[in-house]
Amino acid sequence: PELRRRLEAQPDARVQAIIRTQGDPEQAASRAGQYGLTVRRQFTLVPGLAVTGPASALLNLADEPWVSSIEEDQEVHTMTKSQ
């Protein structure tokens, strides 16, 4: 819900997102491209795509039956063990 509000507030903004998909990520990549998104990476262990594109494209894509979820692509840090 929070991501949707931000996308709706700035539909022309370029965003990076992770789209978790149902089924073959190769087919999902083709479909995402039809919405004007650039696929940066495909994931197979957990089917999904890392994409870049306009917020409005992600909003349009959100209701597709093959889309499980959409989340903002953020930098991930590993936790280090304290000594």
PDB file of N, CA and C in Angstrom:
ATOM      1  N   PRO A   1       0.810  -1.227   0.000  1.00  0.00           N
ATOM      2  CA  PRO A   1       0.000   0.000   0.000  1.00  0.00           C
ATOM      3  C   PRO A   1       0.846   1.282   0.000  1.00  0.00           C
ATOM      4  N   GLU A   2       1.934   1.288   0.751  1.00  0.00           N
ATOM      5  CA  GLU A   2       2.787   2.485   0.804  1.00  0.00           C
ATOM      6  C   GLU A   2       3.459   2.715  -0.547  1.00  0.00           C
ATOM      7  N   LEU A   3       3.979   1.666  -1.143  1.00  0.00           N
ATOM      8  CA  LEU A   3       4.617   1.804  -2.459  1.00  0.00           C
ATOM      9  C   LEU A   3       3.596   2.271  -3.482  1.00  0.00           C
ATOM     10  N   ARG A   4       2.400   1.735  -3.463  1.00  0.00           N
ATOM     11  CA  ARG A   4       1.359   2.150  -4.409  1.00  0.00           C
ATOM     12  C   ARG A   4       1.074   3.644  -4.271  1.00  0.00           C
ATOM     13  N   ARG A   5       0.992   4.144  -3.049  1.00  0.00           N
ATOM     14  CA  ARG A   5       0.735   5.577  -2.836  1.00  0.00           C
ATOM     15  C   ARG A   5       1.854   6.429  -3.425  1.00  0.00           C
ATOM     16  N   ARG A   6       3.085   6.002  -3.224  1.00  0.00           N
ATOM     17  CA  ARG A   6       4.212   6.769  -3.779  1.00  0.00           C
ATOM     18  C   ARG A   6       4.220   6.741  -5.304  1.00  0.00           C
ATOM     19  N   LEU A   7       3.907   5.587  -5.884  1.00  0.00           N
ATOM     20  CA  LEU A   7       3.860   5.485  -7.344  1.00  0.00           C
ATOM     21  C   LEU A   7       2.741   6.350  -7.911  1.00  0.00           C
ATOM     22  N   GLU A   8       1.592   6.341  -7.255  1.00  0.00           N
ATOM     23  CA  GLU A   8       0.459   7.153  -7.713  1.00  0.00           C
ATOM     24  C   GLU A   8       0.745   8.643  -7.581  1.00  0.00           C
ATOM     25  N   ALA A   9       1.517   9.023  -6.556  1.00  0.00           N
ATOM     26  CA  ALA A   9       1.843  10.440  -6.344  1.00  0.00           C
ATOM     27  C   ALA A   9       2.803  10.968  -7.401  1.00  0.00           C
ATOM     28  N   GLN A  10       3.649  10.085  -7.935  1.00  0.00           N
ATOM     29  CA  GLN A  10       4.637  10.500  -8.945  1.00  0.00           C
ATOM     30  C   GLN A  10       4.668   9.480 -10.083  1.00  0.00           C
ATOM     31  N   PRO A  11       3.622   9.434 -10.898  1.00  0.00           N
ATOM     32  CA  PRO A  11       3.539   8.399 -11.942  1.00  0.00           C
ATOM     33  C   PRO A  11       4.623   8.500 -13.020  1.00  0.00           C
ATOM     34  N   ASP A  12       5.245   9.665 -13.177  1.00  0.00           N
ATOM     35  CA  ASP A  12       6.282   9.820 -14.196  1.00  0.00           C
ATOM     36  C   ASP A  12       7.683   9.532 -13.670  1.00  0.00           C
ATOM     37  N   ALA A  13       7.801   9.289 -12.363  1.00  0.00           N
ATOM     38  CA  ALA A  13       9.114   9.026 -11.769  1.00  0.00           C
ATOM     39  C   ALA A  13       9.662   7.699 -12.276  1.00  0.00           C
ATOM     40  N   ARG A  14      10.979   7.652 -12.471  1.00  0.00           N
ATOM     41  CA  ARG A  14      11.635   6.388 -12.827  1.00  0.00           C
ATOM     42  C   ARG A  14      11.949   5.658 -11.535  1.00  0.00           C
ATOM     43  N   VAL A  15      11.592   4.403 -11.489  1.00  0.00           N
ATOM     44  CA  VAL A  15      11.790   3.605 -10.280  1.00  0.00           C
ATOM     45  C   VAL A  15      12.461   2.280 -10.610  1.00  0.00           C
ATOM     46  N   GLN A  16      13.081   1.718  -9.598  1.00  0.00           N
ATOM     47  CA  GLN A  16      13.644   0.375  -9.701  1.00  0.00           C
ATOM     48  C   GLN A  16      12.824  -0.505  -8.786  1.00  0.00           C
ATOM     49  N   ALA A  17      12.427  -1.670  -9.289  1.00  0.00           N
ATOM     50  CA  ALA A  17      11.555  -2.541  -8.511  1.00  0.00           C
ATOM     51  C   ALA A  17      11.889  -4.002  -8.754  1.00  0.00           C
ATOM     52  N   ILE A  18      11.428  -4.824  -7.813  1.00  0.00           N
ATOM     53  CA  ILE A  18      11.488  -6.276  -7.947  1.00  0.00           C
ATOM     54  C   ILE A  18      10.054  -6.753  -8.132  1.00  0.00           C
ATOM     55  N   ILE A  19       9.821  -7.468  -9.209  1.00  0.00           N
ATOM     56  CA  ILE A  19       8.505  -8.039  -9.476  1.00  0.00           C
ATOM     57  C   ILE A  19       8.612  -9.542  -9.265  1.00  0.00           C
ATOM     58  N   ARG A  20       7.883 -10.056  -8.296  1.00  0.00           N
ATOM     59  CA  ARG A  20       7.828 -11.511  -8.107  1.00  0.00           C
ATOM     60  C   ARG A  20       6.722 -12.036  -8.997  1.00  0.00           C
ATOM     61  N   THR A  21       7.052 -13.088  -9.734  1.00  0.00           N
ATOM     62  CA  THR A  21       6.133 -13.583 -10.753  1.00  0.00           C
ATOM     63  C   THR A  21       5.677 -14.997 -10.468  1.00  0.00           C
ATOM     64  N   GLN A  22       4.580 -15.351 -11.085  1.00  0.00           N
ATOM     65  CA  GLN A  22       4.117 -16.730 -11.078  1.00  0.00           C
ATOM     66  C   GLN A  22       4.468 -17.300 -12.442  1.00  0.00           C
ATOM     67  N   GLY A  23       5.106 -18.429 -12.463  1.00  0.00           N
ATOM     68  CA  GLY A  23       5.450 -19.038 -13.737  1.00  0.00           C
ATOM     69  C   GLY A  23       6.836 -18.648 -14.212  1.00  0.00           C
ATOM     70  N   ASP A  24       7.038 -18.808 -15.488  1.00  0.00           N
ATOM     71  CA  ASP A  24       8.326 -18.615 -16.139  1.00  0.00           C
ATOM     72  C   ASP A  24       8.744 -17.145 -16.161  1.00  0.00           C
ATOM     73  N   PRO A  25       9.885 -16.796 -15.536  1.00  0.00           N
ATOM     74  CA  PRO A  25      10.329 -15.404 -15.552  1.00  0.00           C
ATOM     75  C   PRO A  25      10.685 -14.904 -16.955  1.00  0.00           C
ATOM     76  N   GLU A  26      11.031 -15.811 -17.853  1.00  0.00           N
ATOM     77  CA  GLU A  26      11.340 -15.411 -19.241  1.00  0.00           C
ATOM     78  C   GLU A  26      10.106 -14.804 -19.904  1.00  0.00           C
ATOM     79  N   GLN A  27       8.962 -15.438 -19.730  1.00  0.00           N
ATOM     80  CA  GLN A  27       7.715 -14.890 -20.285  1.00  0.00           C
ATOM     81  C   GLN A  27       7.336 -13.600 -19.581  1.00  0.00           C
ATOM     82  N   ALA A  28       7.561 -13.542 -18.270  1.00  0.00           N
ATOM     83  CA  ALA A  28       7.262 -12.330 -17.511  1.00  0.00           C
ATOM     84  C   ALA A  28       8.125 -11.174 -17.993  1.00  0.00           C
ATOM     85  N   ALA A  29       9.365 -11.446 -18.350  1.00  0.00           N
ATOM     86  CA  ALA A  29      10.268 -10.402 -18.834  1.00  0.00           C
ATOM     87  C   ALA A  29       9.734  -9.802 -20.127  1.00  0.00           C
ATOM     88  N   SER A  30       9.243 -10.648 -21.002  1.00  0.00           N
ATOM     89  CA  SER A  30       8.667 -10.166 -22.256  1.00  0.00           C
ATOM     90  C   SER A  30       7.448  -9.285 -21.988  1.00  0.00           C
ATOM     91  N   ARG A  31       6.609  -9.710 -21.082  1.00  0.00           N
ATOM     92  CA  ARG A  31       5.407  -8.944 -20.755  1.00  0.00           C
ATOM     93  C   ARG A  31       5.759  -7.613 -20.093  1.00  0.00           C
ATOM     94  N   ALA A  32       6.736  -7.630 -19.203  1.00  0.00           N
ATOM     95  CA  ALA A  32       7.151  -6.392 -18.534  1.00  0.00           C
ATOM     96  C   ALA A  32       7.656  -5.380 -19.557  1.00  0.00           C
ATOM     97  N   GLY A  33       8.368  -5.857 -20.565  1.00  0.00           N
ATOM     98  CA  GLY A  33       8.855  -4.980 -21.628  1.00  0.00           C
ATOM     99  C   GLY A  33       7.723  -4.319 -22.392  1.00  0.00           C
ATOM    100  N   GLN A  34       6.604  -5.010 -22.532  1.00  0.00           N
ATOM    101  CA  GLN A  34       5.442  -4.442 -23.211  1.00  0.00           C
ATOM    102  C   GLN A  34       4.845  -3.273 -22.434  1.00  0.00           C
ATOM    103  N   TYR A  35       5.118  -3.201 -21.145  1.00  0.00           N
ATOM    104  CA  TYR A  35       4.637  -2.107 -20.305  1.00  0.00           C
ATOM    105  C   TYR A  35       5.628  -0.939 -20.254  1.00  0.00           C
ATOM    106  N   GLY A  36       6.748  -1.082 -20.959  1.00  0.00           N
ATOM    107  CA  GLY A  36       7.738  -0.011 -20.980  1.00  0.00           C
ATOM    108  C   GLY A  36       8.790  -0.129 -19.897  1.00  0.00           C
ATOM    109  N   LEU A  37       8.908  -1.306 -19.302  1.00  0.00           N
ATOM    110  CA  LEU A  37       9.911  -1.523 -18.268  1.00  0.00           C
ATOM    111  C   LEU A  37      11.146  -2.174 -18.869  1.00  0.00           C
ATOM    112  N   THR A  38      12.301  -1.825 -18.337  1.00  0.00           N
ATOM    113  CA  THR A  38      13.555  -2.441 -18.743  1.00  0.00           C
ATOM    114  C   THR A  38      13.908  -3.497 -17.706  1.00  0.00           C
ATOM    115  N   VAL A  39      14.102  -4.719 -18.153  1.00  0.00           N
ATOM    116  CA  VAL A  39      14.456  -5.808 -17.245  1.00  0.00           C
ATOM    117  C   VAL A  39      15.967  -5.797 -17.054  1.00  0.00           C
ATOM    118  N   ARG A  40      16.385  -5.595 -15.806  1.00  0.00           N
ATOM    119  CA  ARG A  40      17.812  -5.571 -15.482  1.00  0.00           C
ATOM    120  C   ARG A  40      18.329  -6.958 -15.137  1.00  0.00           C
ATOM    121  N   ARG A  41      17.440  -7.803 -14.585  1.00  0.00           N
ATOM    122  CA  ARG A  41      17.871  -9.140 -14.167  1.00  0.00           C
ATOM    123  C   ARG A  41      16.660 -10.044 -14.011  1.00  0.00           C
ATOM    124  N   GLN A  42      16.856 -11.323 -14.284  1.00  0.00           N
ATOM    125  CA  GLN A  42      15.813 -12.325 -14.069  1.00  0.00           C
ATOM    126  C   GLN A  42      16.262 -13.258 -12.959  1.00  0.00           C
ATOM    127  N   PHE A  43      15.331 -13.620 -12.102  1.00  0.00           N
ATOM    128  CA  PHE A  43      15.618 -14.537 -11.005  1.00  0.00           C
ATOM    129  C   PHE A  43      14.860 -15.835 -11.254  1.00  0.00           C
ATOM    130  N   THR A  44      15.489 -16.966 -10.944  1.00  0.00           N
ATOM    131  CA  THR A  44      14.831 -18.247 -11.170  1.00  0.00           C
ATOM    132  C   THR A  44      14.545 -19.001  -9.872  1.00  0.00           C
ATOM    133  N   LEU A  45      15.398 -18.866  -8.859  1.00  0.00           N
ATOM    134  CA  LEU A  45      15.173 -19.569  -7.600  1.00  0.00           C
ATOM    135  C   LEU A  45      13.834 -19.137  -6.994  1.00  0.00           C
ATOM    136  N   VAL A  46      13.640 -17.846  -6.915  1.00  0.00           N
ATOM    137  CA  VAL A  46      12.343 -17.256  -6.579  1.00  0.00           C
ATOM    138  C   VAL A  46      11.961 -16.502  -7.844  1.00  0.00           C
ATOM    139  N   PRO A  47      10.995 -16.989  -8.619  1.00  0.00           N
ATOM    140  CA  PRO A  47      10.713 -16.385  -9.924  1.00  0.00           C
ATOM    141  C   PRO A  47      10.437 -14.889  -9.811  1.00  0.00           C
ATOM    142  N   GLY A  48      11.206 -14.113 -10.552  1.00  0.00           N
ATOM    143  CA  GLY A  48      11.006 -12.675 -10.513  1.00  0.00           C
ATOM    144  C   GLY A  48      11.926 -11.925 -11.443  1.00  0.00           C
ATOM    145  N   LEU A  49      11.748 -10.614 -11.422  1.00  0.00           N
ATOM    146  CA  LEU A  49      12.492  -9.709 -12.294  1.00  0.00           C
ATOM    147  C   LEU A  49      12.919  -8.479 -11.522  1.00  0.00           C
ATOM    148  N   ALA A  50      14.086  -7.965 -11.835  1.00  0.00           N
ATOM    149  CA  ALA A  50      14.497  -6.643 -11.380  1.00  0.00           C
ATOM    150  C   ALA A  50      14.286  -5.725 -12.579  1.00  0.00           C
ATOM    151  N   VAL A  51      13.492  -4.670 -12.401  1.00  0.00           N
ATOM    152  CA  VAL A  51      13.132  -3.801 -13.518  1.00  0.00           C
ATOM    153  C   VAL A  51      13.362  -2.330 -13.173  1.00  0.00           C
ATOM    154  N   THR A  52      13.455  -1.526 -14.229  1.00  0.00           N
ATOM    155  CA  THR A  52      13.516  -0.076 -14.120  1.00  0.00           C
ATOM    156  C   THR A  52      12.514   0.493 -15.107  1.00  0.00           C
ATOM    157  N   GLY A  53      11.825   1.537 -14.684  1.00  0.00           N
ATOM    158  CA  GLY A  53      10.883   2.172 -15.596  1.00  0.00           C
ATOM    159  C   GLY A  53       9.977   3.148 -14.881  1.00  0.00           C
ATOM    160  N   PRO A  54       9.006   3.686 -15.603  1.00  0.00           N
ATOM    161  CA  PRO A  54       8.103   4.670 -15.007  1.00  0.00           C
ATOM    162  C   PRO A  54       7.175   4.041 -13.967  1.00  0.00           C
ATOM    163  N   ALA A  55       6.889   4.812 -12.941  1.00  0.00           N
ATOM    164  CA  ALA A  55       5.994   4.356 -11.873  1.00  0.00           C
ATOM    165  C   ALA A  55       4.643   3.939 -12.440  1.00  0.00           C
ATOM    166  N   SER A  56       4.164   4.656 -13.440  1.00  0.00           N
ATOM    167  CA  SER A  56       2.855   4.344 -14.019  1.00  0.00           C
ATOM    168  C   SER A  56       2.826   2.939 -14.614  1.00  0.00           C
ATOM    169  N   ALA A  57       3.949   2.473 -15.171  1.00  0.00           N
ATOM    170  CA  ALA A  57       4.008   1.122 -15.737  1.00  0.00           C
ATOM    171  C   ALA A  57       3.858   0.077 -14.637  1.00  0.00           C
ATOM    172  N   LEU A  58       4.485   0.315 -13.492  1.00  0.00           N
ATOM    173  CA  LEU A  58       4.348  -0.622 -12.378  1.00  0.00           C
ATOM    174  C   LEU A  58       2.917  -0.647 -11.859  1.00  0.00           C
ATOM    175  N   LEU A  59       2.285   0.510 -11.817  1.00  0.00           N
ATOM    176  CA  LEU A  59       0.886   0.564 -11.380  1.00  0.00           C
ATOM    177  C   LEU A  59      -0.002  -0.244 -12.321  1.00  0.00           C
ATOM    178  N   ASN A  60       0.227  -0.123 -13.616  1.00  0.00           N
ATOM    179  CA  ASN A  60      -0.566  -0.868 -14.597  1.00  0.00           C
ATOM    180  C   ASN A  60      -0.302  -2.369 -14.503  1.00  0.00           C
ATOM    181  N   LEU A  61       0.905  -2.716 -14.199  1.00  0.00           N
ATOM    182  CA  LEU A  61       1.317  -4.112 -14.123  1.00  0.00           C
ATOM    183  C   LEU A  61       0.788  -4.806 -12.869  1.00  0.00           C
ATOM    184  N   ALA A  62       0.522  -4.064 -11.829  1.00  0.00           N
ATOM    185  CA  ALA A  62       0.160  -4.633 -10.524  1.00  0.00           C
ATOM    186  C   ALA A  62      -1.061  -5.551 -10.575  1.00  0.00           C
ATOM    187  N   ASP A  63      -1.974  -5.328 -11.492  1.00  0.00           N
ATOM    188  CA  ASP A  63      -3.194  -6.127 -11.554  1.00  0.00           C
ATOM    189  C   ASP A  63      -3.089  -7.338 -12.470  1.00  0.00           C
ATOM    190  N   GLU A  64      -1.934  -7.562 -13.060  1.00  0.00           N
ATOM    191  CA  GLU A  64      -1.750  -8.727 -13.931  1.00  0.00           C
ATOM    192  C   GLU A  64      -1.768 -10.009 -13.096  1.00  0.00           C
ATOM    193  N   PRO A  65      -2.427 -11.063 -13.567  1.00  0.00           N
ATOM    194  CA  PRO A  65      -2.520 -12.300 -12.774  1.00  0.00           C
ATOM    195  C   PRO A  65      -1.181 -13.001 -12.558  1.00  0.00           C
ATOM    196  N   TRP A  66      -0.192 -12.745 -13.396  1.00  0.00           N
ATOM    197  CA  TRP A  66       1.099 -13.402 -13.257  1.00  0.00           C
ATOM    198  C   TRP A  66       2.031 -12.664 -12.294  1.00  0.00           C
ATOM    199  N   VAL A  67       1.594 -11.520 -11.769  1.00  0.00           N
ATOM    200  CA  VAL A  67       2.398 -10.748 -10.823  1.00  0.00           C
ATOM    201  C   VAL A  67       1.983 -11.110  -9.394  1.00  0.00           C
ATOM    202  N   SER A  68       2.911 -11.660  -8.622  1.00  0.00           N
ATOM    203  CA  SER A  68       2.644 -12.014  -7.224  1.00  0.00           C
ATOM    204  C   SER A  68       2.781 -10.802  -6.318  1.00  0.00           C
ATOM    205  N   SER A  69       3.843 -10.023  -6.540  1.00  0.00           N
ATOM    206  CA  SER A  69       4.066  -8.827  -5.736  1.00  0.00           C
ATOM    207  C   SER A  69       5.056  -7.909  -6.433  1.00  0.00           C
ATOM    208  N   ILE A  70       5.031  -6.654  -6.010  1.00  0.00           N
ATOM    209  CA  ILE A  70       5.979  -5.653  -6.502  1.00  0.00           C
ATOM    210  C   ILE A  70       6.532  -4.943  -5.282  1.00  0.00           C
ATOM    211  N   GLU A  71       7.845  -4.824  -5.230  1.00  0.00           N
ATOM    212  CA  GLU A  71       8.464  -4.100  -4.128  1.00  0.00           C
ATOM    213  C   GLU A  71       9.584  -3.231  -4.670  1.00  0.00           C
ATOM    214  N   GLU A  72       9.889  -2.196  -3.949  1.00  0.00           N
ATOM    215  CA  GLU A  72      10.963  -1.298  -4.353  1.00  0.00           C
ATOM    216  C   GLU A  72      12.289  -2.045  -4.270  1.00  0.00           C
ATOM    217  N   ASP A  73      13.125  -1.877  -5.269  1.00  0.00           N
ATOM    218  CA  ASP A  73      14.445  -2.498  -5.289  1.00  0.00           C
ATOM    219  C   ASP A  73      15.370  -1.606  -4.469  1.00  0.00           C
ATOM    220  N   GLN A  74      15.822  -2.121  -3.359  1.00  0.00           N
ATOM    221  CA  GLN A  74      16.675  -1.353  -2.466  1.00  0.00           C
ATOM    222  C   GLN A  74      17.985  -2.079  -2.238  1.00  0.00           C
ATOM    223  N   GLU A  75      18.971  -1.333  -1.820  1.00  0.00           N
ATOM    224  CA  GLU A  75      20.264  -1.908  -1.504  1.00  0.00           C
ATOM    225  C   GLU A  75      20.125  -2.813  -0.285  1.00  0.00           C
ATOM    226  N   VAL A  76      20.767  -3.969  -0.357  1.00  0.00           N
ATOM    227  CA  VAL A  76      20.704  -4.941   0.724  1.00  0.00           C
ATOM    228  C   VAL A  76      22.070  -5.022   1.385  1.00  0.00           C
ATOM    229  N   HIS A  77      22.079  -5.072   2.711  1.00  0.00           N
ATOM    230  CA  HIS A  77      23.326  -5.191   3.463  1.00  0.00           C
ATOM    231  C   HIS A  77      23.301  -6.482   4.264  1.00  0.00           C
ATOM    232  N   THR A  78      24.451  -7.125   4.343  1.00  0.00           N
ATOM    233  CA  THR A  78      24.533  -8.316   5.163  1.00  0.00           C
ATOM    234  C   THR A  78      24.862  -7.902   6.585  1.00  0.00           C
ATOM    235  N   MET A  79      24.431  -8.732   7.500  1.00  0.00           N
ATOM    236  CA  MET A  79      24.737  -8.454   8.900  1.00  0.00           C
ATOM    237  C   MET A  79      26.086  -9.070   9.223  1.00  0.00           C
ATOM    238  N   THR A  80      26.893  -8.340   9.950  1.00  0.00           N
ATOM    239  CA  THR A  80      28.193  -8.884  10.359  1.00  0.00           C
ATOM    240  C   THR A  80      28.093  -9.335  11.807  1.00  0.00           C
ATOM    241  N   LYS A  81      28.819 -10.364  12.105  1.00  0.00           N
ATOM    242  CA  LYS A  81      28.802 -10.915  13.456  1.00  0.00           C
ATOM    243  C   LYS A  81      29.661 -10.048  14.364  1.00  0.00           C
ATOM    244  N   SER A  82      29.096  -9.643  15.492  1.00  0.00           N
ATOM    245  CA  SER A  82      29.838  -8.836  16.457  1.00  0.00           C
ATOM    246  C   SER A  82      30.818  -9.716  17.201  1.00  0.00           C
ATOM    247  N   GLN A  83      31.971  -9.158  17.529  1.00  0.00           N
ATOM    248  CA  GLN A  83      32.968  -9.929  18.280  1.00  0.00           C
ATOM    249  C   GLN A  83      33.220  -9.283  19.610  1.00  0.00           C
TER     250      GLN A  83
END
